[in-house]
Amino acid sequence: GQRKEREALAEKQAALEKQKKARDALAAKQAEIDALVAEQARIEEEAIKKLEQEEAKRRETKRAMEQQTAAIKQRMTELEEARRETVAIKIQSRWRAYKAVQVFEMQRRLARQQ
């Protein structure tokens, strides 16, 4: 009877060993999976960070370009205003010259009449 008990005990021990090995293998696989999941999360975070940086850079570039465009428009407006002023001054000086000539002509005529 003792031999049978020993055999049963040995079988039980072997079954427990087998179960422990299976559990250990399962735990090892789970650890591998956890490591892979953590690595994937890290990669995704990096990718998101990179995308956010690129988006920020794109926005900054767009803002800089808009500022440049506004500055160019401003200079164009100033140039147009300066051009108008120059034209107005030319017209005024020509008008004054014309008036001066008219006055001079009138004075000459008056002088001749006397």
N, C-alpha and C. Protein backbone atom coordinates (compact mmCIF):
# COMPACT_ATOMS: atom_id res chain seq x y z
N GLY A 1 0.80 -1.21 0.00
CA GLY A 1 0.00 0.00 0.00
C GLY A 1 0.83 1.26 0.00
N GLN A 2 2.00 1.15 0.67
CA GLN A 2 2.85 2.35 0.72
C GLN A 2 3.39 2.70 -0.66
N ARG A 3 3.69 1.68 -1.46
CA ARG A 3 4.23 1.91 -2.79
C ARG A 3 3.22 2.68 -3.63
N LYS A 4 1.97 2.28 -3.56
CA LYS A 4 0.90 2.96 -4.30
C LYS A 4 0.79 4.40 -3.86
N GLU A 5 0.85 4.64 -2.56
CA GLU A 5 0.77 6.01 -2.02
C GLU A 5 1.92 6.84 -2.55
N ARG A 6 3.16 6.20 -2.52
CA ARG A 6 4.34 6.91 -3.01
C ARG A 6 4.17 7.25 -4.49
N GLU A 7 3.68 6.30 -5.24
CA GLU A 7 3.45 6.53 -6.68
C GLU A 7 2.45 7.65 -6.90
N ALA A 8 1.36 7.61 -6.14
CA ALA A 8 0.33 8.65 -6.26
C ALA A 8 0.92 10.01 -5.89
N LEU A 9 1.73 10.02 -4.84
CA LEU A 9 2.38 11.25 -4.40
C LEU A 9 3.33 11.77 -5.48
N ALA A 10 4.09 10.85 -6.06
CA ALA A 10 5.04 11.21 -7.13
C ALA A 10 4.28 11.77 -8.33
N GLU A 11 3.16 11.11 -8.66
CA GLU A 11 2.33 11.60 -9.78
C GLU A 11 1.80 13.00 -9.49
N LYS A 12 1.32 13.18 -8.25
CA LYS A 12 0.81 14.48 -7.84
C LYS A 12 1.92 15.52 -7.96
N GLN A 13 3.13 15.16 -7.47
CA GLN A 13 4.30 16.05 -7.51
C GLN A 13 4.62 16.41 -8.97
N ALA A 14 4.61 15.39 -9.84
CA ALA A 14 4.92 15.60 -11.26
C ALA A 14 3.87 16.53 -11.89
N ALA A 15 2.60 16.30 -11.56
CA ALA A 15 1.52 17.14 -12.09
C ALA A 15 1.70 18.58 -11.62
N LEU A 16 2.07 18.74 -10.32
CA LEU A 16 2.29 20.08 -9.77
C LEU A 16 3.47 20.77 -10.48
N GLU A 17 4.56 19.99 -10.71
CA GLU A 17 5.74 20.51 -11.43
C GLU A 17 5.32 20.99 -12.82
N LYS A 18 4.57 20.12 -13.49
CA LYS A 18 4.10 20.44 -14.85
C LYS A 18 3.27 21.72 -14.85
N GLN A 19 2.37 21.80 -13.88
CA GLN A 19 1.50 22.98 -13.74
C GLN A 19 2.33 24.23 -13.50
N LYS A 20 3.35 24.12 -12.61
CA LYS A 20 4.21 25.26 -12.28
C LYS A 20 4.96 25.70 -13.53
N LYS A 21 5.50 24.73 -14.29
CA LYS A 21 6.23 25.05 -15.52
C LYS A 21 5.31 25.78 -16.51
N ALA A 22 4.09 25.28 -16.63
CA ALA A 22 3.12 25.89 -17.54
C ALA A 22 2.80 27.32 -17.10
N ARG A 23 2.63 27.49 -15.77
CA ARG A 23 2.36 28.83 -15.23
C ARG A 23 3.54 29.78 -15.48
N ASP A 24 4.76 29.26 -15.26
CA ASP A 24 5.96 30.07 -15.48
C ASP A 24 6.07 30.47 -16.96
N ALA A 25 5.80 29.53 -17.85
CA ALA A 25 5.86 29.81 -19.28
C ALA A 25 4.82 30.87 -19.65
N LEU A 26 3.63 30.73 -19.08
CA LEU A 26 2.55 31.68 -19.32
C LEU A 26 2.96 33.07 -18.82
N ALA A 27 3.55 33.12 -17.61
CA ALA A 27 3.99 34.38 -17.02
C ALA A 27 5.07 35.02 -17.91
N ALA A 28 5.98 34.20 -18.43
CA ALA A 28 7.05 34.70 -19.30
C ALA A 28 6.44 35.30 -20.58
N LYS A 29 5.48 34.57 -21.16
CA LYS A 29 4.80 35.08 -22.36
C LYS A 29 4.08 36.39 -22.05
N GLN A 30 3.41 36.45 -20.92
CA GLN A 30 2.69 37.66 -20.52
C GLN A 30 3.68 38.82 -20.38
N ALA A 31 4.84 38.55 -19.78
CA ALA A 31 5.86 39.59 -19.61
C ALA A 31 6.34 40.08 -20.98
N GLU A 32 6.54 39.16 -21.92
CA GLU A 32 6.95 39.53 -23.29
C GLU A 32 5.89 40.44 -23.92
N ILE A 33 4.63 40.02 -23.78
CA ILE A 33 3.52 40.80 -24.35
C ILE A 33 3.48 42.20 -23.71
N ASP A 34 3.60 42.25 -22.38
CA ASP A 34 3.60 43.54 -21.67
C ASP A 34 4.73 44.44 -22.19
N ALA A 35 5.92 43.85 -22.38
CA ALA A 35 7.07 44.62 -22.87
C ALA A 35 6.78 45.15 -24.28
N LEU A 36 6.19 44.32 -25.13
CA LEU A 36 5.87 44.73 -26.50
C LEU A 36 4.82 45.85 -26.50
N VAL A 37 3.82 45.70 -25.66
CA VAL A 37 2.77 46.72 -25.56
C VAL A 37 3.36 48.04 -25.08
N ALA A 38 4.24 47.97 -24.07
CA ALA A 38 4.89 49.18 -23.55
C ALA A 38 5.73 49.84 -24.65
N GLU A 39 6.47 49.04 -25.41
CA GLU A 39 7.30 49.55 -26.50
C GLU A 39 6.44 50.22 -27.57
N GLN A 40 5.33 49.56 -27.89
CA GLN A 40 4.41 50.14 -28.89
C GLN A 40 3.86 51.47 -28.40
N ALA A 41 3.49 51.55 -27.14
CA ALA A 41 2.96 52.79 -26.56
C ALA A 41 4.03 53.89 -26.64
N ARG A 42 5.31 53.52 -26.35
CA ARG A 42 6.40 54.50 -26.40
C ARG A 42 6.57 55.01 -27.84
N ILE A 43 6.53 54.10 -28.81
CA ILE A 43 6.68 54.47 -30.22
C ILE A 43 5.54 55.40 -30.64
N GLU A 44 4.31 55.06 -30.25
CA GLU A 44 3.15 55.90 -30.58
C GLU A 44 3.29 57.29 -29.97
N GLU A 45 3.74 57.34 -28.70
CA GLU A 45 3.93 58.64 -28.03
C GLU A 45 4.94 59.48 -28.79
N GLU A 46 6.05 58.87 -29.19
CA GLU A 46 7.09 59.58 -29.96
C GLU A 46 6.51 60.10 -31.27
N ALA A 47 5.75 59.24 -31.94
CA ALA A 47 5.16 59.63 -33.23
C ALA A 47 4.21 60.81 -33.04
N ILE A 48 3.40 60.75 -31.99
CA ILE A 48 2.45 61.84 -31.71
C ILE A 48 3.21 63.12 -31.41
N LYS A 49 4.26 63.01 -30.59
CA LYS A 49 5.08 64.18 -30.23
C LYS A 49 5.68 64.80 -31.49
N LYS A 50 6.20 63.93 -32.38
CA LYS A 50 6.82 64.41 -33.62
C LYS A 50 5.77 65.11 -34.48
N LEU A 51 4.58 64.53 -34.58
CA LEU A 51 3.50 65.15 -35.36
C LEU A 51 3.12 66.51 -34.79
N GLU A 52 3.03 66.57 -33.45
CA GLU A 52 2.69 67.84 -32.79
C GLU A 52 3.75 68.89 -33.07
N GLN A 53 5.03 68.48 -33.03
CA GLN A 53 6.13 69.43 -33.31
C GLN A 53 6.04 69.92 -34.75
N GLU A 54 5.78 68.99 -35.68
CA GLU A 54 5.67 69.36 -37.10
C GLU A 54 4.50 70.32 -37.29
N GLU A 55 3.39 70.06 -36.61
CA GLU A 55 2.20 70.92 -36.71
C GLU A 55 2.53 72.32 -36.17
N ALA A 56 3.23 72.35 -35.04
CA ALA A 56 3.62 73.64 -34.44
C ALA A 56 4.54 74.40 -35.41
N LYS A 57 5.47 73.67 -36.02
CA LYS A 57 6.40 74.30 -36.96
C LYS A 57 5.63 74.83 -38.17
N ARG A 58 4.66 74.05 -38.64
CA ARG A 58 3.84 74.46 -39.80
C ARG A 58 3.05 75.73 -39.46
N ARG A 59 2.46 75.74 -38.25
CA ARG A 59 1.70 76.93 -37.82
C ARG A 59 2.61 78.14 -37.73
N GLU A 60 3.82 77.94 -37.18
CA GLU A 60 4.79 79.05 -37.04
C GLU A 60 5.17 79.58 -38.42
N THR A 61 5.42 78.67 -39.35
CA THR A 61 5.78 79.06 -40.72
C THR A 61 4.64 79.84 -41.36
N LYS A 62 3.41 79.34 -41.18
CA LYS A 62 2.22 80.00 -41.75
C LYS A 62 2.09 81.41 -41.17
N ARG A 63 2.29 81.52 -39.84
CA ARG A 63 2.17 82.81 -39.17
C ARG A 63 3.24 83.77 -39.71
N ALA A 64 4.45 83.28 -39.86
CA ALA A 64 5.55 84.11 -40.37
C ALA A 64 5.25 84.58 -41.79
N MET A 65 4.71 83.68 -42.60
CA MET A 65 4.37 84.03 -43.98
C MET A 65 3.25 85.07 -44.02
N GLU A 66 2.27 84.90 -43.15
CA GLU A 66 1.17 85.88 -43.08
C GLU A 66 1.69 87.26 -42.67
N GLN A 67 2.62 87.26 -41.70
CA GLN A 67 3.22 88.53 -41.26
C GLN A 67 3.96 89.18 -42.42
N GLN A 68 4.71 88.35 -43.16
CA GLN A 68 5.48 88.85 -44.30
C GLN A 68 4.54 89.44 -45.34
N THR A 69 3.46 88.72 -45.63
CA THR A 69 2.47 89.19 -46.61
C THR A 69 1.88 90.53 -46.17
N ALA A 70 1.55 90.61 -44.88
CA ALA A 70 0.99 91.86 -44.34
C ALA A 70 2.00 92.99 -44.48
N ALA A 71 3.26 92.70 -44.18
CA ALA A 71 4.32 93.72 -44.28
C ALA A 71 4.46 94.18 -45.73
N ILE A 72 4.41 93.23 -46.67
CA ILE A 72 4.52 93.56 -48.10
C ILE A 72 3.34 94.45 -48.51
N LYS A 73 2.12 94.06 -48.11
CA LYS A 73 0.93 94.86 -48.44
C LYS A 73 1.08 96.28 -47.90
N GLN A 74 1.57 96.37 -46.64
CA GLN A 74 1.77 97.67 -45.99
C GLN A 74 2.74 98.53 -46.82
N ARG A 75 3.87 97.92 -47.22
CA ARG A 75 4.87 98.66 -48.03
C ARG A 75 4.27 99.09 -49.37
N MET A 76 3.48 98.20 -49.96
CA MET A 76 2.85 98.52 -51.25
C MET A 76 1.91 99.73 -51.08
N THR A 77 1.14 99.71 -50.00
CA THR A 77 0.22 100.82 -49.71
C THR A 77 1.01 102.11 -49.53
N GLU A 78 2.09 102.03 -48.74
CA GLU A 78 2.92 103.21 -48.50
C GLU A 78 3.51 103.72 -49.81
N LEU A 79 3.97 102.78 -50.64
CA LEU A 79 4.56 103.15 -51.93
C LEU A 79 3.52 103.85 -52.80
N GLU A 80 2.30 103.27 -52.82
CA GLU A 80 1.21 103.85 -53.62
C GLU A 80 0.88 105.26 -53.13
N GLU A 81 0.83 105.43 -51.80
CA GLU A 81 0.55 106.75 -51.22
C GLU A 81 1.65 107.74 -51.60
N ALA A 82 2.90 107.31 -51.51
CA ALA A 82 4.04 108.18 -51.85
C ALA A 82 3.97 108.56 -53.32
N ARG A 83 3.61 107.58 -54.17
CA ARG A 83 3.50 107.83 -55.61
C ARG A 83 2.41 108.88 -55.87
N ARG A 84 1.25 108.71 -55.18
CA ARG A 84 0.15 109.68 -55.33
C ARG A 84 0.59 111.07 -54.91
N GLU A 85 1.30 111.13 -53.76
CA GLU A 85 1.78 112.43 -53.26
C GLU A 85 2.71 113.06 -54.28
N THR A 86 3.63 112.26 -54.83
CA THR A 86 4.59 112.77 -55.82
C THR A 86 3.85 113.32 -57.03
N VAL A 87 2.87 112.56 -57.51
CA VAL A 87 2.07 113.00 -58.66
C VAL A 87 1.35 114.31 -58.32
N ALA A 88 0.75 114.36 -57.14
CA ALA A 88 0.01 115.56 -56.71
C ALA A 88 0.95 116.76 -56.66
N ILE A 89 2.15 116.55 -56.11
CA ILE A 89 3.13 117.64 -56.02
C ILE A 89 3.52 118.10 -57.42
N LYS A 90 3.77 117.14 -58.32
CA LYS A 90 4.11 117.49 -59.72
C LYS A 90 3.00 118.32 -60.35
N ILE A 91 1.75 117.85 -60.16
CA ILE A 91 0.60 118.57 -60.74
C ILE A 91 0.53 119.97 -60.16
N GLN A 92 0.67 120.06 -58.82
CA GLN A 92 0.64 121.38 -58.17
C GLN A 92 1.73 122.30 -58.72
N SER A 93 2.95 121.79 -58.83
CA SER A 93 4.04 122.66 -59.29
C SER A 93 3.82 123.06 -60.75
N ARG A 94 3.30 122.13 -61.54
CA ARG A 94 3.00 122.48 -62.95
C ARG A 94 1.91 123.54 -63.00
N TRP A 95 0.90 123.38 -62.14
CA TRP A 95 -0.21 124.34 -62.08
C TRP A 95 0.31 125.71 -61.67
N ARG A 96 1.18 125.73 -60.66
CA ARG A 96 1.77 126.99 -60.20
C ARG A 96 2.58 127.63 -61.33
N ALA A 97 3.35 126.78 -62.02
CA ALA A 97 4.17 127.29 -63.13
C ALA A 97 3.26 127.89 -64.20
N TYR A 98 2.18 127.17 -64.51
CA TYR A 98 1.21 127.63 -65.51
C TYR A 98 0.61 128.97 -65.08
N LYS A 99 0.20 129.04 -63.79
CA LYS A 99 -0.40 130.26 -63.25
C LYS A 99 0.61 131.41 -63.33
N ALA A 100 1.85 131.13 -62.95
CA ALA A 100 2.91 132.15 -62.96
C ALA A 100 3.09 132.68 -64.38
N VAL A 101 3.09 131.74 -65.36
CA VAL A 101 3.23 132.15 -66.76
C VAL A 101 2.04 133.02 -67.15
N GLN A 102 0.85 132.62 -66.74
CA GLN A 102 -0.37 133.40 -67.06
C GLN A 102 -0.27 134.81 -66.48
N VAL A 103 0.12 134.88 -65.21
CA VAL A 103 0.26 136.18 -64.54
C VAL A 103 1.29 137.03 -65.27
N PHE A 104 2.41 136.40 -65.61
CA PHE A 104 3.48 137.09 -66.32
C PHE A 104 2.98 137.62 -67.66
N GLU A 105 2.26 136.75 -68.41
CA GLU A 105 1.69 137.15 -69.71
C GLU A 105 0.74 138.34 -69.53
N MET A 106 -0.10 138.26 -68.51
CA MET A 106 -1.07 139.32 -68.26
C MET A 106 -0.35 140.62 -67.94
N GLN A 107 0.66 140.53 -67.11
CA GLN A 107 1.44 141.73 -66.76
C GLN A 107 2.08 142.32 -68.00
N ARG A 108 2.63 141.47 -68.86
CA ARG A 108 3.25 141.95 -70.10
C ARG A 108 2.23 142.67 -70.98
N ARG A 109 1.02 142.04 -71.07
CA ARG A 109 -0.04 142.65 -71.88
C ARG A 109 -0.43 144.00 -71.33
N LEU A 110 -0.60 144.02 -70.03
CA LEU A 110 -0.96 145.28 -69.36
C LEU A 110 0.12 146.33 -69.59
N ALA A 111 1.35 145.89 -69.46
CA ALA A 111 2.49 146.81 -69.65
C ALA A 111 2.49 147.37 -71.08
N ARG A 112 2.17 146.48 -72.05
CA ARG A 112 2.12 146.92 -73.45
C ARG A 112 1.00 147.92 -73.68
N GLN A 113 -0.14 147.67 -73.02
CA GLN A 113 -1.30 148.54 -73.22
C GLN A 113 -1.05 149.94 -72.70
N GLN A 114 -0.22 150.07 -71.69
CA GLN A 114 0.00 151.41 -71.11
C GLN A 114 0.92 152.27 -71.93
